[in-house]
C-alpha atoms as a PDB file:
ATOM      1  CA  MET A   1      -5.922  18.613  -3.814  1.00  0.00           C
ATOM      2  CA  GLY A   2      -2.370  18.828  -2.494  1.00  0.00           C
ATOM      3  CA  SER A   3       0.604  16.496  -2.329  1.00  0.00           C
ATOM      4  CA  ILE A   4       0.746  13.270  -0.312  1.00  0.00           C
ATOM      5  CA  LEU A   5       3.901  11.763   1.170  1.00  0.00           C
ATOM      6  CA  CYS A   6       3.708   7.949   1.077  1.00  0.00           C
ATOM      7  CA  LEU A   7       5.837   5.659   3.256  1.00  0.00           C
ATOM      8  CA  GLU A   8       6.324   1.940   2.548  1.00  0.00           C
ATOM      9  CA  THR A   9       8.379   0.079   5.183  1.00  0.00           C
ATOM     10  CA  SER A  10       6.575  -3.245   5.551  1.00  0.00           C
ATOM     11  CA  SER A  11       9.097  -5.403   3.662  1.00  0.00           C
ATOM     12  CA  ARG A  12      12.819  -5.554   2.894  1.00  0.00           C
ATOM     13  CA  VAL A  13      12.347  -2.662   0.462  1.00  0.00           C
ATOM     14  CA  CYS A  14      12.019   0.740   2.119  1.00  0.00           C
ATOM     15  CA  SER A  15      10.520   3.332  -0.191  1.00  0.00           C
ATOM     16  CA  VAL A  16       9.099   6.834  -0.197  1.00  0.00           C
ATOM     17  CA  ALA A  17       6.940   8.520  -2.838  1.00  0.00           C
ATOM     18  CA  ILE A  18       5.276  11.889  -3.256  1.00  0.00           C
ATOM     19  CA  GLY A  19       2.285  12.294  -5.526  1.00  0.00           C
ATOM     20  CA  ASN A  20       0.057  15.134  -6.590  1.00  0.00           C
ATOM     21  CA  GLU A  21      -3.141  14.925  -8.644  1.00  0.00           C
ATOM     22  CA  ASP A  22      -2.634  12.091 -11.166  1.00  0.00           C
ATOM     23  CA  ARG A  23       1.145  11.668 -11.088  1.00  0.00           C
ATOM     24  CA  ILE A  24       4.088  10.667  -8.935  1.00  0.00           C
ATOM     25  CA  LEU A  25       6.401  13.627  -8.376  1.00  0.00           C
ATOM     26  CA  SER A  26       9.209  11.649  -6.786  1.00  0.00           C
ATOM     27  CA  CYS A  27      10.001   8.104  -5.664  1.00  0.00           C
ATOM     28  CA  ARG A  28      13.024   6.896  -3.713  1.00  0.00           C
ATOM     29  CA  GLN A  29      13.790   3.422  -2.397  1.00  0.00           C
ATOM     30  CA  SER A  30      16.466   1.348  -0.699  1.00  0.00           C
ATOM     31  CA  GLU A  31      16.884  -2.426  -0.519  1.00  0.00           C
ATOM     32  CA  GLN A  32      19.525  -2.326   2.194  1.00  0.00           C
ATOM     33  CA  GLU A  33      18.328  -4.756   4.855  1.00  0.00           C
ATOM     34  CA  ASN A  34      17.831  -3.719   8.476  1.00  0.00           C
ATOM     35  CA  ALA A  35      18.337  -0.058   7.589  1.00  0.00           C
ATOM     36  CA  HIS A  36      14.774   1.282   7.621  1.00  0.00           C
ATOM     37  CA  SER A  37      15.218   3.245  10.841  1.00  0.00           C
ATOM     38  CA  SER A  38      18.396   4.975   9.660  1.00  0.00           C
ATOM     39  CA  GLY A  39      17.502   5.338   5.991  1.00  0.00           C
ATOM     40  CA  LEU A  40      13.860   6.422   5.989  1.00  0.00           C
ATOM     41  CA  THR A  41      14.457  10.088   6.823  1.00  0.00           C
ATOM     42  CA  ASN A  42      17.168  10.322   4.155  1.00  0.00           C
ATOM     43  CA  LEU A  43      14.778   8.934   1.551  1.00  0.00           C
ATOM     44  CA  ILE A  44      12.129  11.439   2.618  1.00  0.00           C
ATOM     45  CA  GLU A  45      14.567  14.344   2.336  1.00  0.00           C
ATOM     46  CA  SER A  46      15.642  13.202  -1.141  1.00  0.00           C
ATOM     47  CA  ALA A  47      12.047  12.757  -2.319  1.00  0.00           C
ATOM     48  CA  LEU A  48      11.043  16.208  -1.077  1.00  0.00           C
ATOM     49  CA  LEU A  49      14.053  17.748  -2.798  1.00  0.00           C
ATOM     50  CA  ASP A  50      13.179  15.991  -6.074  1.00  0.00           C
ATOM     51  CA  ALA A  51       9.572  17.174  -5.833  1.00  0.00           C
ATOM     52  CA  GLY A  52      10.552  20.739  -4.926  1.00  0.00           C
ATOM     53  CA  LEU A  53       8.472  20.642  -1.757  1.00  0.00           C
ATOM     54  CA  GLU A  54       8.861  21.196   1.956  1.00  0.00           C
ATOM     55  CA  MET A  55       7.142  19.158   4.643  1.00  0.00           C
ATOM     56  CA  HIS A  56       4.680  21.888   5.608  1.00  0.00           C
ATOM     57  CA  GLU A  57       3.392  21.999   2.010  1.00  0.00           C
ATOM     58  CA  LEU A  58       2.090  18.420   2.151  1.00  0.00           C
ATOM     59  CA  ALA A  59      -1.654  17.818   2.342  1.00  0.00           C
ATOM     60  CA  ALA A  60      -1.370  14.460   4.134  1.00  0.00           C
ATOM     61  CA  ILE A  61       0.932  11.572   4.961  1.00  0.00           C
ATOM     62  CA  ALA A  62       0.079   8.012   3.949  1.00  0.00           C
ATOM     63  CA  VAL A  63       1.622   4.876   5.377  1.00  0.00           C
ATOM     64  CA  SER A  64       1.499   1.197   4.517  1.00  0.00           C
ATOM     65  CA  MET A  65      -0.385  -0.294   7.486  1.00  0.00           C
ATOM     66  CA  GLY A  66       0.437  -3.992   7.118  1.00  0.00           C
ATOM     67  CA  PRO A  67       0.573  -6.863   7.310  1.00  0.00           C
ATOM     68  CA  GLY A  68       4.305  -7.257   6.920  1.00  0.00           C
ATOM     69  CA  SER A  69       7.541  -6.962   8.846  1.00  0.00           C
ATOM     70  CA  TYR A  70       6.793  -6.202  12.500  1.00  0.00           C
ATOM     71  CA  THR A  71       9.805  -3.928  12.900  1.00  0.00           C
ATOM     72  CA  GLY A  72       9.360  -2.290   9.517  1.00  0.00           C
ATOM     73  CA  LEU A  73       5.729  -1.467  10.193  1.00  0.00           C
ATOM     74  CA  ARG A  74       6.545   0.043  13.575  1.00  0.00           C
ATOM     75  CA  ILE A  75       9.201   2.263  12.002  1.00  0.00           C
ATOM     76  CA  GLY A  76       6.952   3.490   9.193  1.00  0.00           C
ATOM     77  CA  VAL A  77       3.904   4.140  11.356  1.00  0.00           C
ATOM     78  CA  ALA A  78       5.929   5.844  14.090  1.00  0.00           C
ATOM     79  CA  ALA A  79       7.525   8.163  11.538  1.00  0.00           C
ATOM     80  CA  ALA A  80       4.195   8.938   9.842  1.00  0.00           C
ATOM     81  CA  LYS A  81       2.452   9.683  13.138  1.00  0.00           C
ATOM     82  CA  GLY A  82       5.335  11.854  14.302  1.00  0.00           C
ATOM     83  CA  PHE A  83       5.229  13.958  11.151  1.00  0.00           C
ATOM     84  CA  CYS A  84       1.444  14.252  11.333  1.00  0.00           C
ATOM     85  CA  TYR A  85       1.558  15.417  14.952  1.00  0.00           C
ATOM     86  CA  ALA A  86       4.299  17.955  14.293  1.00  0.00           C
ATOM     87  CA  LEU A  87       2.815  19.330  11.075  1.00  0.00           C
ATOM     88  CA  GLU A  88      -0.868  18.955  12.006  1.00  0.00           C
ATOM     89  CA  LYS A  89      -1.510  16.886   8.887  1.00  0.00           C
ATOM     90  CA  PRO A  90      -3.969  13.989   8.501  1.00  0.00           C
ATOM     91  CA  LEU A  91      -2.767  10.386   8.536  1.00  0.00           C
ATOM     92  CA  ILE A  92      -3.922   7.970   5.827  1.00  0.00           C
ATOM     93  CA  ALA A  93      -3.436   4.205   6.238  1.00  0.00           C
ATOM     94  CA  ILE A  94      -3.381   1.858   3.239  1.00  0.00           C
ATOM     95  CA  SER A  95      -3.513  -1.945   3.283  1.00  0.00           C
ATOM     96  CA  THR A  96      -0.100  -3.236   2.254  1.00  0.00           C
ATOM     97  CA  LEU A  97      -1.545  -6.125   0.265  1.00  0.00           C
ATOM     98  CA  LYS A  98      -4.109  -3.942  -1.482  1.00  0.00           C
ATOM     99  CA  SER A  99      -1.398  -1.505  -2.563  1.00  0.00           C
ATOM    100  CA  LEU A 100       0.640  -4.418  -3.897  1.00  0.00           C
ATOM    101  CA  ALA A 101      -2.414  -5.661  -5.781  1.00  0.00           C
ATOM    102  CA  PHE A 102      -2.827  -2.189  -7.284  1.00  0.00           C
ATOM    103  CA  GLY A 103       0.738  -2.292  -8.597  1.00  0.00           C
ATOM    104  CA  MET A 104       0.221  -5.799  -9.937  1.00  0.00           C
ATOM    105  CA  ARG A 105      -2.870  -4.675 -11.834  1.00  0.00           C
ATOM    106  CA  GLU A 106      -1.000  -1.762 -13.402  1.00  0.00           C
ATOM    107  CA  LEU A 107       1.957  -3.851 -14.538  1.00  0.00           C
ATOM    108  CA  SER A 108       0.494  -7.284 -15.269  1.00  0.00           C
ATOM    109  CA  GLY A 109      -0.945  -6.336 -18.659  1.00  0.00           C
ATOM    110  CA  ASN A 110      -4.013  -8.510 -18.064  1.00  0.00           C
ATOM    111  CA  GLU A 111      -7.603  -7.343 -17.965  1.00  0.00           C
ATOM    112  CA  GLY A 112      -9.190 -10.262 -16.166  1.00  0.00           C
ATOM    113  CA  GLY A 113      -8.586 -12.937 -13.614  1.00  0.00           C
ATOM    114  CA  LEU A 114      -7.594 -12.442  -9.991  1.00  0.00           C
ATOM    115  CA  LEU A 115      -4.684 -10.814  -8.178  1.00  0.00           C
ATOM    116  CA  CYS A 116      -2.911 -12.576  -5.314  1.00  0.00           C
ATOM    117  CA  PRO A 117      -0.210 -10.479  -3.631  1.00  0.00           C
ATOM    118  CA  MET A 118       2.054 -12.370  -1.223  1.00  0.00           C
ATOM    119  CA  LEU A 119       4.395 -11.096   1.457  1.00  0.00           C
ATOM    120  CA  ASP A 120       7.009 -13.329   3.047  1.00  0.00           C
ATOM    121  CA  ALA A 121       6.084 -14.430   6.579  1.00  0.00           C
ATOM    122  CA  ARG A 122       9.037 -16.866   6.920  1.00  0.00           C
ATOM    123  CA  ARG A 123       9.348 -20.548   6.072  1.00  0.00           C
ATOM    124  CA  MET A 124       6.444 -21.507   3.770  1.00  0.00           C
ATOM    125  CA  GLU A 125       4.013 -19.052   5.331  1.00  0.00           C
ATOM    126  CA  VAL A 126       2.866 -15.903   3.576  1.00  0.00           C
ATOM    127  CA  TYR A 127       0.596 -12.958   4.206  1.00  0.00           C
ATOM    128  CA  THR A 128      -1.843 -12.968   1.330  1.00  0.00           C
ATOM    129  CA  ALA A 129      -5.254 -11.981   0.004  1.00  0.00           C
ATOM    130  CA  VAL A 130      -7.079 -12.309  -3.310  1.00  0.00           C
ATOM    131  CA  TYR A 131      -8.584  -9.364  -5.212  1.00  0.00           C
ATOM    132  CA  ASP A 132     -10.369  -9.004  -8.506  1.00  0.00           C
ATOM    133  CA  PHE A 133      -9.252  -6.392 -11.042  1.00  0.00           C
ATOM    134  CA  SER A 134     -11.430  -3.729  -9.445  1.00  0.00           C
ATOM    135  CA  LEU A 135      -9.537  -4.472  -6.177  1.00  0.00           C
ATOM    136  CA  ALA A 136     -12.647  -5.912  -4.532  1.00  0.00           C
ATOM    137  CA  VAL A 137     -11.741  -8.542  -1.933  1.00  0.00           C
ATOM    138  CA  ILE A 138     -12.314 -12.142  -3.039  1.00  0.00           C
ATOM    139  CA  ARG A 139     -10.398 -13.738  -0.148  1.00  0.00           C
ATOM    140  CA  PRO A 140      -9.576 -11.612   2.911  1.00  0.00           C
ATOM    141  CA  VAL A 141      -6.111 -11.001   4.306  1.00  0.00           C
ATOM    142  CA  SER A 142      -4.680 -14.026   6.091  1.00  0.00           C
ATOM    143  CA  ALA A 143      -1.456 -15.752   7.082  1.00  0.00           C
ATOM    144  CA  GLU A 144      -1.268 -19.060   5.214  1.00  0.00           C
ATOM    145  CA  ILE A 145       1.127 -21.967   4.940  1.00  0.00           C
ATOM    146  CA  ILE A 146       1.272 -22.654   1.214  1.00  0.00           C
ATOM    147  CA  THR A 147       0.941 -26.188  -0.157  1.00  0.00           C
ATOM    148  CA  GLU A 148       0.305 -27.601  -3.613  1.00  0.00           C
ATOM    149  CA  SER A 149      -3.429 -27.552  -2.945  1.00  0.00           C
ATOM    150  CA  SER A 150      -3.557 -23.895  -1.885  1.00  0.00           C
ATOM    151  CA  PHE A 151      -5.963 -21.840  -4.047  1.00  0.00           C
ATOM    152  CA  ALA A 152      -7.047 -25.063  -5.813  1.00  0.00           C
ATOM    153  CA  GLY A 153     -10.709 -24.065  -5.915  1.00  0.00           C
ATOM    154  CA  LEU A 154     -10.003 -20.679  -7.436  1.00  0.00           C
ATOM    155  CA  LEU A 155      -7.291 -21.890  -9.820  1.00  0.00           C
ATOM    156  CA  ASP A 156      -9.642 -24.473 -11.329  1.00  0.00           C
ATOM    157  CA  SER A 157     -11.891 -21.732 -12.676  1.00  0.00           C
ATOM    158  CA  GLU A 158      -9.867 -18.482 -12.641  1.00  0.00           C
ATOM    159  CA  THR A 159      -6.497 -17.210 -13.773  1.00  0.00           C
ATOM    160  CA  ILE A 160      -4.584 -15.909 -10.763  1.00  0.00           C
ATOM    161  CA  VAL A 161      -1.640 -13.538 -10.981  1.00  0.00           C
ATOM    162  CA  PHE A 162       0.790 -14.034  -8.075  1.00  0.00           C
ATOM    163  CA  ALA A 163       3.440 -11.515  -7.103  1.00  0.00           C
ATOM    164  CA  GLY A 164       5.521 -10.274  -4.210  1.00  0.00           C
ATOM    165  CA  GLU A 165       8.398 -11.599  -2.136  1.00  0.00           C
ATOM    166  CA  GLY A 166       6.207 -14.384  -0.773  1.00  0.00           C
ATOM    167  CA  ALA A 167       5.158 -15.513  -4.253  1.00  0.00           C
ATOM    168  CA  GLU A 168       8.728 -16.215  -5.300  1.00  0.00           C
ATOM    169  CA  LYS A 169       9.154 -18.996  -2.734  1.00  0.00           C
ATOM    170  CA  CYS A 170       5.692 -20.410  -3.526  1.00  0.00           C
ATOM    171  CA  LYS A 171       6.257 -20.709  -7.260  1.00  0.00           C
ATOM    172  CA  PRO A 172       7.679 -24.279  -7.072  1.00  0.00           C
ATOM    173  CA  LEU A 173       4.416 -25.402  -5.452  1.00  0.00           C
ATOM    174  CA  LEU A 174       1.886 -23.433  -7.484  1.00  0.00           C
ATOM    175  CA  GLY A 175       3.681 -22.608 -10.722  1.00  0.00           C
ATOM    176  CA  SER A 176       2.762 -25.795 -12.567  1.00  0.00           C
ATOM    177  CA  HIS A 177      -0.946 -24.959 -12.618  1.00  0.00           C
ATOM    178  CA  HIS A 178      -2.005 -23.682 -16.050  1.00  0.00           C
ATOM    179  CA  HIS A 179      -4.101 -20.894 -14.483  1.00  0.00           C
ATOM    180  CA  ALA A 180      -1.224 -19.572 -12.329  1.00  0.00           C
ATOM    181  CA  THR A 181       0.852 -16.619 -13.557  1.00  0.00           C
ATOM    182  CA  PHE A 182       3.799 -15.119 -11.690  1.00  0.00           C
ATOM    183  CA  LEU A 183       5.216 -11.608 -11.961  1.00  0.00           C
ATOM    184  CA  GLU A 184       8.950 -12.030 -11.462  1.00  0.00           C
ATOM    185  CA  ASN A 185      10.948  -9.835  -9.063  1.00  0.00           C
ATOM    186  CA  PHE A 186       7.926  -7.679  -8.315  1.00  0.00           C
ATOM    187  CA  LYS A 187       8.380  -5.652  -5.135  1.00  0.00           C
ATOM    188  CA  LEU A 188       6.412  -3.246  -2.991  1.00  0.00           C
ATOM    189  CA  SER A 189       6.698   0.450  -3.730  1.00  0.00           C
ATOM    190  CA  ALA A 190       5.414   3.551  -1.983  1.00  0.00           C
ATOM    191  CA  ALA A 191       4.243   4.677  -5.431  1.00  0.00           C
ATOM    192  CA  PHE A 192       1.491   2.022  -5.249  1.00  0.00           C
ATOM    193  CA  LEU A 193       0.117   3.683  -2.112  1.00  0.00           C
ATOM    194  CA  TYR A 194      -0.510   7.041  -3.722  1.00  0.00           C
ATOM    195  CA  PRO A 195      -3.629   6.398  -5.886  1.00  0.00           C
ATOM    196  CA  LEU A 196      -5.339   4.657  -2.961  1.00  0.00           C
ATOM    197  CA  ALA A 197      -4.272   7.446  -0.591  1.00  0.00           C
ATOM    198  CA  MET A 198      -5.625  10.067  -2.989  1.00  0.00           C
ATOM    199  CA  GLU A 199      -9.057   8.385  -2.833  1.00  0.00           C
ATOM    200  CA  LYS A 200      -8.996   8.485   0.966  1.00  0.00           C
ATOM    201  CA  LEU A 201      -7.866  12.111   1.000  1.00  0.00           C
ATOM    202  CA  SER A 202     -10.834  13.031  -1.214  1.00  0.00           C
ATOM    203  CA  ALA A 203     -13.189  11.116   1.074  1.00  0.00           C
ATOM    204  CA  GLY A 204     -11.661  12.520   4.266  1.00  0.00           C
ATOM    205  CA  ALA A 205     -10.962   8.964   5.468  1.00  0.00           C
ATOM    206  CA  PHE A 206      -8.253   9.662   8.025  1.00  0.00           C
ATOM    207  CA  GLU A 207      -6.897   7.721  11.007  1.00  0.00           C
ATOM    208  CA  ASP A 208      -7.037   8.725  14.658  1.00  0.00           C
ATOM    209  CA  LEU A 209      -3.450   9.659  15.471  1.00  0.00           C
ATOM    210  CA  ALA A 210      -3.795   8.762  19.123  1.00  0.00           C
ATOM    211  CA  TYR A 211      -5.055   5.222  18.585  1.00  0.00           C
ATOM    212  CA  PHE A 212      -3.891   4.040  15.173  1.00  0.00           C
ATOM    213  CA  GLU A 213      -1.540   1.041  15.146  1.00  0.00           C
ATOM    214  CA  PRO A 214      -0.163  -1.138  12.338  1.00  0.00           C
ATOM    215  CA  TYR A 215      -2.039  -4.248  11.263  1.00  0.00           C
ATOM    216  CA  TYR A 216       0.451  -6.896  12.369  1.00  0.00           C
ATOM    217  CA  LEU A 217      -1.911  -9.859  11.741  1.00  0.00           C
ATOM    218  CA  LYS A 218       0.308 -12.151  13.848  1.00  0.00           C
ATOM    219  CA  ASP A 219       1.723 -11.583  17.318  1.00  0.00           C
ATOM    220  CA  PHE A 220       5.406 -10.737  17.460  1.00  0.00           C
ATOM    221  CA  VAL A 221       7.547 -13.590  18.771  1.00  0.00           C
ATOM    222  CA  ALA A 222      11.108 -12.677  19.686  1.00  0.00           C
ATOM    223  CA  GLY A 223      13.804 -15.242  19.082  1.00  0.00           C
ATOM    224  CA  LYS A 224      15.978 -16.434  21.932  1.00  0.00           C
ATOM    225  CA  PRO A 225      19.414 -14.786  21.974  1.00  0.00           C
ATOM    226  CA  ARG A 226      22.283 -17.128  21.230  1.00  0.00           C
ATOM    227  CA  VAL A 227      24.914 -17.752  23.889  1.00  0.00           C
ATOM    228  CA  LYS A 228      28.439 -17.413  22.617  1.00  0.00           C
ATOM    229  CA  GLY A 229      30.398 -20.634  22.675  1.00  0.00           C
ATOM    230  CA  LEU A 230      27.341 -22.876  22.299  1.00  0.00           C
ATOM    231  CA  LYS A 231      26.565 -24.674  19.064  1.00  0.00           C
ATOM    232  CA  ASP A 232      23.106 -24.773  17.500  1.00  0.00           C
END
């Protein structure tokens, strides 16, 4: 089927993976903040070297499409589109939350219940969705301010596994419920994109390079620059 280069830049973790058939050939990641633009190409070069491949040998390029960090998504999608244009390769876009749910399913050790990936959207807001173990959508992607009553209807009848950077800050509010389970220190990885990208490659489900944009979910709001000499 050919190898797929996967790019994950939607959170603080920047990662790159290359997969072929049923295995990951290489995976590289960096948790250095605000370094996606300078570090992504280095990670790609290292991953290709590990896999023994060159860019022109790839079958497709997959990218995490969001929601997530506005800047991170722009960097990842711009890089993916640039490579696809230059190499004449197809672009595959994967939901960030669905890829996180896939990783949760693989590592949770459970065979039932629901999966609730959460990405940090600042303060007590998160980007989230709920999936069952077949990755069918139970609650669609949304930006939510988490309270103690969030997910109450589902938690009363179902076990929910929570994970992701957003879940860590929500644990004090939701962790006391007997149906709530948290995967600690669980982070996004480009390796989670690959199985979903392989399905899309088989189906020929590619994006239009000219018109594809990240799924930001919320409008970008720039903060006001601080004036030196003035106190907050």
